[in-house]
């Protein structure tokens, strides 16, 4: 049986959002993120692991959005951050003559329901093929996120 002290120190996956916030962590619990990415699925072959953009819980006008609205937006998001790439991503010189279209840490645009969705604590990640990247963007908030 776990004591209260043991259960409070359990490690859960934490992902950094575009606003430099940690998903699944209360603001009072923010600590240094260490080796948490090892708990995420590691893409194989030509696939890449992408964290879909998650909108703020509050609009610019101060309206609080419901959790269902935020989750629906994340599922239908067309923008995400590349977390990891498989060993064969962009290695086909015939298809990618100008080199890789993106790298780890880049914000990319992809088709609305592209890739395989994988549920994790705090949301979901997607596994996309390297050729499903449509564009790169500097700031995901520049894209109008409709669902």
N, C-alpha and C. Protein backbone atom coordinates (compact mmCIF):
# COMPACT_ATOMS: atom_id res chain seq x y z
N UNK A 1 0.85 -1.18 0.00
CA UNK A 1 0.00 0.00 0.00
C UNK A 1 0.88 1.24 0.00
N UNK A 2 0.56 2.19 -0.88
CA UNK A 2 1.34 3.42 -0.96
C UNK A 2 0.93 4.38 0.13
N UNK A 3 1.92 5.02 0.67
CA UNK A 3 1.62 6.07 1.62
C UNK A 3 1.32 7.34 0.86
N UNK A 4 0.79 8.34 1.54
CA UNK A 4 0.48 9.61 0.88
C UNK A 4 1.74 10.23 0.30
N UNK A 5 2.86 10.08 1.01
CA UNK A 5 4.11 10.65 0.55
C UNK A 5 4.59 9.98 -0.73
N UNK A 6 4.44 8.62 -0.82
CA UNK A 6 4.88 7.90 -2.00
C UNK A 6 4.03 8.26 -3.21
N UNK A 7 2.72 8.36 -3.04
CA UNK A 7 1.85 8.64 -4.17
C UNK A 7 2.04 10.06 -4.70
N UNK A 8 2.44 10.98 -3.86
CA UNK A 8 2.62 12.35 -4.32
C UNK A 8 3.91 12.53 -5.11
N UNK A 9 4.83 11.56 -5.01
CA UNK A 9 6.09 11.69 -5.74
C UNK A 9 6.11 10.83 -6.98
N UNK A 10 4.98 10.21 -7.36
CA UNK A 10 4.97 9.40 -8.56
C UNK A 10 5.20 10.29 -9.78
N UNK A 11 5.86 9.73 -10.78
CA UNK A 11 6.23 10.48 -11.96
C UNK A 11 5.20 10.26 -13.05
N UNK A 12 4.70 11.34 -13.65
CA UNK A 12 3.77 11.25 -14.76
C UNK A 12 4.36 12.01 -15.93
N UNK A 13 3.99 11.62 -17.17
CA UNK A 13 4.56 12.31 -18.32
C UNK A 13 4.17 13.78 -18.35
N UNK A 14 5.11 14.64 -18.67
CA UNK A 14 4.86 16.07 -18.75
C UNK A 14 5.32 16.56 -20.11
N UNK A 15 4.50 17.36 -20.77
CA UNK A 15 4.83 17.87 -22.08
C UNK A 15 4.70 19.37 -22.04
N UNK A 16 5.64 20.06 -22.66
CA UNK A 16 5.64 21.51 -22.66
C UNK A 16 4.79 22.00 -23.83
N UNK A 17 3.85 22.90 -23.55
CA UNK A 17 2.97 23.48 -24.57
C UNK A 17 3.64 24.71 -25.17
N UNK A 18 3.06 25.30 -26.25
CA UNK A 18 3.67 26.49 -26.85
C UNK A 18 3.78 27.66 -25.87
N UNK A 19 2.95 27.68 -24.84
CA UNK A 19 2.97 28.75 -23.85
C UNK A 19 3.97 28.48 -22.73
N UNK A 20 4.82 27.48 -22.93
CA UNK A 20 5.83 27.08 -21.95
C UNK A 20 5.20 26.56 -20.66
N UNK A 21 3.98 26.02 -20.77
CA UNK A 21 3.29 25.41 -19.64
C UNK A 21 3.49 23.90 -19.71
N UNK A 22 3.41 23.23 -18.59
CA UNK A 22 3.51 21.78 -18.56
C UNK A 22 2.11 21.18 -18.52
N UNK A 23 1.81 20.26 -19.46
CA UNK A 23 0.52 19.59 -19.45
C UNK A 23 0.48 18.62 -18.28
N UNK A 24 -0.66 18.50 -17.64
CA UNK A 24 -0.84 17.54 -16.56
C UNK A 24 -0.19 17.94 -15.26
N UNK A 25 0.24 19.20 -15.13
CA UNK A 25 0.90 19.65 -13.91
C UNK A 25 0.23 20.92 -13.43
N UNK A 26 -0.17 20.92 -12.17
CA UNK A 26 -0.73 22.13 -11.59
C UNK A 26 0.38 23.17 -11.49
N UNK A 27 0.01 24.43 -11.59
CA UNK A 27 1.01 25.50 -11.56
C UNK A 27 1.87 25.43 -10.30
N UNK A 28 1.30 24.99 -9.18
CA UNK A 28 2.06 24.92 -7.93
C UNK A 28 3.02 23.73 -7.91
N UNK A 29 2.87 22.78 -8.85
CA UNK A 29 3.71 21.58 -8.87
C UNK A 29 4.83 21.66 -9.89
N UNK A 30 5.00 22.78 -10.60
CA UNK A 30 6.00 22.86 -11.66
C UNK A 30 7.39 22.58 -11.10
N UNK A 31 8.06 21.64 -11.74
CA UNK A 31 9.42 21.28 -11.38
C UNK A 31 10.18 21.05 -12.67
N UNK A 32 11.45 20.81 -12.56
CA UNK A 32 12.27 20.55 -13.74
C UNK A 32 11.80 19.26 -14.42
N UNK A 33 11.68 19.29 -15.75
CA UNK A 33 11.29 18.12 -16.51
C UNK A 33 12.54 17.30 -16.80
N UNK A 34 12.53 16.04 -16.38
CA UNK A 34 13.70 15.19 -16.59
C UNK A 34 13.27 13.84 -17.14
N UNK A 35 13.84 13.46 -18.25
CA UNK A 35 13.66 12.15 -18.86
C UNK A 35 12.20 11.74 -19.04
N UNK A 36 11.28 12.69 -19.08
CA UNK A 36 9.86 12.36 -19.24
C UNK A 36 9.55 11.91 -20.66
N UNK A 37 10.36 12.34 -21.62
CA UNK A 37 10.10 11.95 -23.00
C UNK A 37 10.34 10.47 -23.22
N UNK A 38 11.05 9.79 -22.32
CA UNK A 38 11.28 8.37 -22.47
C UNK A 38 9.99 7.58 -22.28
N UNK A 39 8.98 8.18 -21.69
CA UNK A 39 7.70 7.50 -21.49
C UNK A 39 6.79 7.61 -22.71
N UNK A 40 7.13 8.50 -23.64
CA UNK A 40 6.35 8.65 -24.86
C UNK A 40 6.74 7.57 -25.85
N UNK A 41 5.82 7.20 -26.76
CA UNK A 41 6.18 6.21 -27.77
C UNK A 41 7.31 6.74 -28.66
N UNK A 42 8.25 5.90 -28.99
CA UNK A 42 9.35 6.29 -29.87
C UNK A 42 8.99 5.87 -31.29
N UNK A 43 8.93 6.82 -32.23
CA UNK A 43 8.56 6.48 -33.60
C UNK A 43 9.60 5.59 -34.28
N UNK A 44 9.11 4.71 -35.13
CA UNK A 44 9.99 3.82 -35.89
C UNK A 44 9.90 4.18 -37.36
N UNK A 45 10.88 3.73 -38.13
CA UNK A 45 10.85 3.94 -39.57
C UNK A 45 10.79 5.39 -39.96
N UNK A 46 9.87 5.72 -40.85
CA UNK A 46 9.74 7.08 -41.40
C UNK A 46 8.70 7.90 -40.66
N UNK A 47 8.30 7.50 -39.47
CA UNK A 47 7.26 8.21 -38.72
C UNK A 47 7.85 9.24 -37.76
N UNK A 48 7.01 10.20 -37.39
CA UNK A 48 7.42 11.20 -36.41
C UNK A 48 6.33 11.36 -35.36
N UNK A 49 6.73 11.67 -34.14
CA UNK A 49 5.82 11.88 -33.03
C UNK A 49 5.54 13.38 -32.92
N UNK A 50 4.24 13.73 -32.96
CA UNK A 50 3.84 15.14 -32.97
C UNK A 50 2.85 15.41 -31.85
N UNK A 51 3.07 16.50 -31.13
CA UNK A 51 2.14 16.95 -30.10
C UNK A 51 1.23 18.01 -30.73
N UNK A 52 -0.07 17.70 -30.91
CA UNK A 52 -0.97 18.71 -31.49
C UNK A 52 -1.05 19.95 -30.61
N UNK A 53 -1.22 21.09 -31.26
CA UNK A 53 -1.35 22.37 -30.57
C UNK A 53 -2.56 22.33 -29.66
N UNK A 54 -2.39 22.84 -28.45
CA UNK A 54 -3.49 22.91 -27.49
C UNK A 54 -3.74 24.37 -27.17
N UNK A 55 -4.97 24.82 -27.43
CA UNK A 55 -5.30 26.22 -27.23
C UNK A 55 -5.32 26.57 -25.75
N UNK A 56 -5.22 27.87 -25.47
CA UNK A 56 -5.31 28.35 -24.10
C UNK A 56 -6.70 28.08 -23.54
N UNK A 57 -6.80 27.98 -22.23
CA UNK A 57 -8.08 27.74 -21.58
C UNK A 57 -8.93 29.01 -21.52
N UNK A 58 -8.31 30.14 -21.80
CA UNK A 58 -9.01 31.43 -21.74
C UNK A 58 -8.78 32.17 -23.06
N UNK A 59 -9.83 32.76 -23.61
CA UNK A 59 -9.70 33.54 -24.84
C UNK A 59 -9.05 34.88 -24.53
N UNK A 60 -8.69 35.62 -25.58
CA UNK A 60 -8.10 36.95 -25.39
C UNK A 60 -9.04 37.87 -24.65
N UNK A 61 -10.35 37.67 -24.82
CA UNK A 61 -11.36 38.49 -24.15
C UNK A 61 -11.63 38.05 -22.72
N UNK A 62 -11.02 36.95 -22.26
CA UNK A 62 -11.17 36.51 -20.89
C UNK A 62 -12.23 35.43 -20.67
N UNK A 63 -12.83 34.90 -21.76
CA UNK A 63 -13.84 33.86 -21.63
C UNK A 63 -13.15 32.53 -21.38
N UNK A 64 -13.57 31.82 -20.32
CA UNK A 64 -13.02 30.50 -20.02
C UNK A 64 -13.69 29.46 -20.90
N UNK A 65 -12.88 28.61 -21.53
CA UNK A 65 -13.40 27.56 -22.40
C UNK A 65 -13.52 26.26 -21.62
N UNK A 66 -14.52 25.47 -21.97
CA UNK A 66 -14.72 24.18 -21.32
C UNK A 66 -13.68 23.16 -21.76
N UNK A 67 -13.44 22.17 -20.92
CA UNK A 67 -12.44 21.14 -21.21
C UNK A 67 -12.81 20.37 -22.48
N UNK A 68 -14.09 20.12 -22.69
CA UNK A 68 -14.53 19.40 -23.90
C UNK A 68 -14.19 20.19 -25.16
N UNK A 69 -14.37 21.49 -25.12
CA UNK A 69 -14.04 22.35 -26.26
C UNK A 69 -12.55 22.30 -26.55
N UNK A 70 -11.74 22.36 -25.53
CA UNK A 70 -10.28 22.32 -25.70
C UNK A 70 -9.85 20.97 -26.27
N UNK A 71 -10.43 19.88 -25.77
CA UNK A 71 -10.08 18.55 -26.26
C UNK A 71 -10.50 18.36 -27.71
N UNK A 72 -11.69 18.84 -28.06
CA UNK A 72 -12.18 18.74 -29.43
C UNK A 72 -11.27 19.52 -30.38
N UNK A 73 -10.82 20.67 -29.93
CA UNK A 73 -9.93 21.48 -30.76
C UNK A 73 -8.60 20.76 -30.97
N UNK A 74 -8.09 20.10 -29.93
CA UNK A 74 -6.80 19.41 -30.05
C UNK A 74 -6.91 18.23 -31.01
N UNK A 75 -8.04 17.51 -30.99
CA UNK A 75 -8.23 16.38 -31.90
C UNK A 75 -8.27 16.87 -33.34
N UNK A 76 -8.93 18.00 -33.60
CA UNK A 76 -9.05 18.53 -34.94
C UNK A 76 -7.95 19.49 -35.33
N UNK A 77 -6.95 19.62 -34.49
CA UNK A 77 -5.87 20.58 -34.76
C UNK A 77 -5.11 20.21 -36.02
N UNK A 78 -4.67 21.21 -36.74
CA UNK A 78 -3.87 21.03 -37.95
C UNK A 78 -2.44 21.47 -37.73
N UNK A 79 -2.07 21.73 -36.50
CA UNK A 79 -0.75 22.25 -36.19
C UNK A 79 -0.19 21.46 -35.00
N UNK A 80 1.10 21.19 -35.00
CA UNK A 80 1.70 20.46 -33.89
C UNK A 80 3.20 20.66 -33.83
N UNK A 81 3.77 20.21 -32.72
CA UNK A 81 5.19 20.33 -32.46
C UNK A 81 5.83 18.96 -32.61
N UNK A 82 6.90 18.87 -33.38
CA UNK A 82 7.59 17.60 -33.60
C UNK A 82 8.39 17.25 -32.35
N UNK A 83 8.03 16.14 -31.71
CA UNK A 83 8.71 15.70 -30.48
C UNK A 83 9.85 14.74 -30.76
N UNK A 84 9.67 13.84 -31.75
CA UNK A 84 10.70 12.84 -32.06
C UNK A 84 10.51 12.38 -33.50
N UNK A 85 11.61 11.90 -34.08
CA UNK A 85 11.57 11.40 -35.45
C UNK A 85 12.18 10.01 -35.50
N UNK A 86 11.57 9.14 -36.32
CA UNK A 86 12.11 7.80 -36.51
C UNK A 86 13.43 7.85 -37.26
N UNK A 87 14.18 6.76 -37.23
CA UNK A 87 15.51 6.75 -37.84
C UNK A 87 15.50 6.90 -39.36
N UNK A 88 14.38 6.60 -40.02
CA UNK A 88 14.32 6.68 -41.48
C UNK A 88 13.62 7.94 -41.99
N UNK A 89 13.25 8.86 -41.10
CA UNK A 89 12.58 10.09 -41.52
C UNK A 89 13.47 10.87 -42.49
N UNK A 90 12.92 11.20 -43.63
CA UNK A 90 13.57 12.03 -44.65
C UNK A 90 14.89 11.45 -45.15
N UNK A 91 15.07 10.14 -45.07
CA UNK A 91 16.30 9.52 -45.55
C UNK A 91 16.24 9.15 -47.03
N UNK A 92 15.03 9.12 -47.62
CA UNK A 92 14.87 8.79 -49.04
C UNK A 92 15.27 9.99 -49.89
N UNK A 93 16.44 9.95 -50.46
CA UNK A 93 16.99 11.08 -51.23
C UNK A 93 16.20 11.34 -52.52
N UNK A 94 15.51 10.32 -53.06
CA UNK A 94 14.70 10.51 -54.27
C UNK A 94 13.45 11.33 -53.97
N UNK A 95 12.83 11.12 -52.82
CA UNK A 95 11.59 11.82 -52.45
C UNK A 95 11.87 13.18 -51.83
N UNK A 96 12.94 13.29 -51.07
CA UNK A 96 13.26 14.53 -50.35
C UNK A 96 14.60 15.07 -50.85
N UNK A 97 14.60 15.53 -52.08
CA UNK A 97 15.85 15.95 -52.73
C UNK A 97 16.47 17.18 -52.08
N UNK A 98 15.66 18.00 -51.42
CA UNK A 98 16.19 19.21 -50.77
C UNK A 98 16.39 19.01 -49.27
N UNK A 99 16.36 17.78 -48.81
CA UNK A 99 16.58 17.48 -47.40
C UNK A 99 15.29 17.45 -46.60
N UNK A 100 15.39 17.33 -45.28
CA UNK A 100 14.22 17.22 -44.41
C UNK A 100 13.33 18.45 -44.47
N UNK A 101 12.04 18.23 -44.37
CA UNK A 101 11.07 19.33 -44.37
C UNK A 101 10.98 19.98 -42.99
N UNK A 102 11.34 19.23 -41.94
CA UNK A 102 11.27 19.76 -40.58
C UNK A 102 12.25 18.99 -39.70
N UNK A 103 12.36 19.44 -38.45
CA UNK A 103 13.23 18.76 -37.48
C UNK A 103 12.54 18.76 -36.12
N UNK A 104 13.10 18.07 -35.17
CA UNK A 104 12.54 18.03 -33.82
C UNK A 104 12.49 19.45 -33.25
N UNK A 105 11.35 19.81 -32.70
CA UNK A 105 11.16 21.14 -32.13
C UNK A 105 10.43 22.10 -33.05
N UNK A 106 10.30 21.75 -34.33
CA UNK A 106 9.59 22.61 -35.28
C UNK A 106 8.08 22.50 -35.11
N UNK A 107 7.38 23.59 -35.40
CA UNK A 107 5.92 23.59 -35.48
C UNK A 107 5.56 23.29 -36.92
N UNK A 108 4.69 22.31 -37.12
CA UNK A 108 4.32 21.91 -38.48
C UNK A 108 2.81 21.98 -38.66
N UNK A 109 2.40 22.02 -39.92
CA UNK A 109 0.99 21.96 -40.30
C UNK A 109 0.78 20.63 -41.01
N UNK A 110 -0.31 19.94 -40.70
CA UNK A 110 -0.64 18.66 -41.31
C UNK A 110 -2.14 18.61 -41.55
N UNK A 111 -2.61 17.61 -42.28
CA UNK A 111 -4.04 17.46 -42.55
C UNK A 111 -4.79 17.27 -41.24
N UNK A 112 -6.02 17.76 -41.20
CA UNK A 112 -6.79 17.81 -39.95
C UNK A 112 -6.81 16.49 -39.17
N UNK A 113 -7.07 15.38 -39.82
CA UNK A 113 -7.16 14.12 -39.09
C UNK A 113 -6.05 13.15 -39.51
N UNK A 114 -4.90 13.68 -39.88
CA UNK A 114 -3.77 12.85 -40.31
C UNK A 114 -3.14 12.12 -39.13
N UNK A 115 -2.52 11.00 -39.45
CA UNK A 115 -1.75 10.26 -38.46
C UNK A 115 -2.58 9.40 -37.54
N UNK A 116 -1.89 8.67 -36.70
CA UNK A 116 -2.52 7.82 -35.69
C UNK A 116 -2.53 8.55 -34.37
N UNK A 117 -3.70 8.63 -33.76
CA UNK A 117 -3.84 9.33 -32.48
C UNK A 117 -3.53 8.37 -31.33
N UNK A 118 -2.73 8.84 -30.38
CA UNK A 118 -2.38 8.04 -29.20
C UNK A 118 -2.69 8.89 -27.97
N UNK A 119 -3.55 8.38 -27.11
CA UNK A 119 -3.94 9.09 -25.90
C UNK A 119 -2.82 8.99 -24.85
N UNK A 120 -2.50 10.12 -24.24
CA UNK A 120 -1.55 10.18 -23.14
C UNK A 120 -2.17 11.02 -22.04
N UNK A 121 -1.54 11.03 -20.89
CA UNK A 121 -2.04 11.88 -19.81
C UNK A 121 -1.91 13.33 -20.23
N UNK A 122 -3.00 14.07 -20.16
CA UNK A 122 -2.99 15.48 -20.52
C UNK A 122 -3.35 15.74 -21.97
N UNK A 123 -3.76 14.72 -22.74
CA UNK A 123 -4.14 14.96 -24.12
C UNK A 123 -3.81 13.80 -25.02
N UNK A 124 -3.23 14.11 -26.16
CA UNK A 124 -2.87 13.08 -27.12
C UNK A 124 -1.66 13.50 -27.92
N UNK A 125 -1.02 12.52 -28.53
CA UNK A 125 0.05 12.76 -29.49
C UNK A 125 -0.34 12.04 -30.78
N UNK A 126 0.33 12.36 -31.85
CA UNK A 126 0.06 11.70 -33.13
C UNK A 126 1.34 11.18 -33.74
N UNK A 127 1.22 10.06 -34.42
CA UNK A 127 2.31 9.52 -35.21
C UNK A 127 1.98 9.82 -36.67
N UNK A 128 2.82 10.62 -37.32
CA UNK A 128 2.63 11.01 -38.71
C UNK A 128 3.75 10.43 -39.56
N UNK A 129 3.46 10.16 -40.83
CA UNK A 129 4.50 9.80 -41.78
C UNK A 129 5.25 11.07 -42.16
N UNK A 130 6.51 10.92 -42.55
CA UNK A 130 7.31 12.09 -42.88
C UNK A 130 6.75 12.90 -44.05
N UNK A 131 6.00 12.25 -44.94
CA UNK A 131 5.45 12.99 -46.09
C UNK A 131 4.08 13.61 -45.81
N UNK A 132 3.58 13.52 -44.58
CA UNK A 132 2.30 14.13 -44.23
C UNK A 132 2.45 15.58 -43.74
N UNK A 133 3.67 16.06 -43.65
CA UNK A 133 3.91 17.44 -43.25
C UNK A 133 3.59 18.34 -44.44
N UNK A 134 2.69 19.30 -44.23
CA UNK A 134 2.28 20.20 -45.30
C UNK A 134 3.08 21.50 -45.29
N UNK A 135 3.47 21.97 -44.10
CA UNK A 135 4.19 23.23 -43.98
C UNK A 135 4.80 23.33 -42.59
N UNK A 136 5.70 24.29 -42.42
CA UNK A 136 6.21 24.62 -41.09
C UNK A 136 5.77 26.04 -40.77
N UNK A 137 5.60 26.33 -39.48
CA UNK A 137 5.22 27.67 -39.03
C UNK A 137 6.11 28.06 -37.87
N UNK A 138 6.33 29.36 -37.71
CA UNK A 138 7.15 29.86 -36.62
C UNK A 138 6.38 29.86 -35.30
N UNK A 139 5.10 30.25 -35.36
CA UNK A 139 4.29 30.40 -34.16
C UNK A 139 2.91 29.80 -34.41
N UNK A 140 2.52 28.75 -33.66
CA UNK A 140 1.23 28.11 -33.90
C UNK A 140 0.04 29.01 -33.61
N UNK A 141 0.22 30.07 -32.85
CA UNK A 141 -0.90 30.97 -32.57
C UNK A 141 -1.21 31.86 -33.76
N UNK A 142 -0.33 31.86 -34.80
CA UNK A 142 -0.61 32.62 -36.01
C UNK A 142 -1.65 31.91 -36.89
N UNK A 143 -1.87 30.64 -36.64
CA UNK A 143 -2.84 29.84 -37.41
C UNK A 143 -4.18 29.92 -36.70
N UNK A 144 -5.26 30.13 -37.46
CA UNK A 144 -6.60 30.16 -36.89
C UNK A 144 -7.02 28.71 -36.65
N UNK A 145 -7.25 28.33 -35.40
CA UNK A 145 -7.57 26.95 -35.04
C UNK A 145 -9.08 26.79 -34.91
N UNK A 146 -9.70 26.23 -35.94
CA UNK A 146 -11.14 25.95 -35.92
C UNK A 146 -11.31 24.44 -35.80
N UNK A 147 -12.46 24.03 -35.28
CA UNK A 147 -12.73 22.60 -35.20
C UNK A 147 -14.14 22.31 -35.60
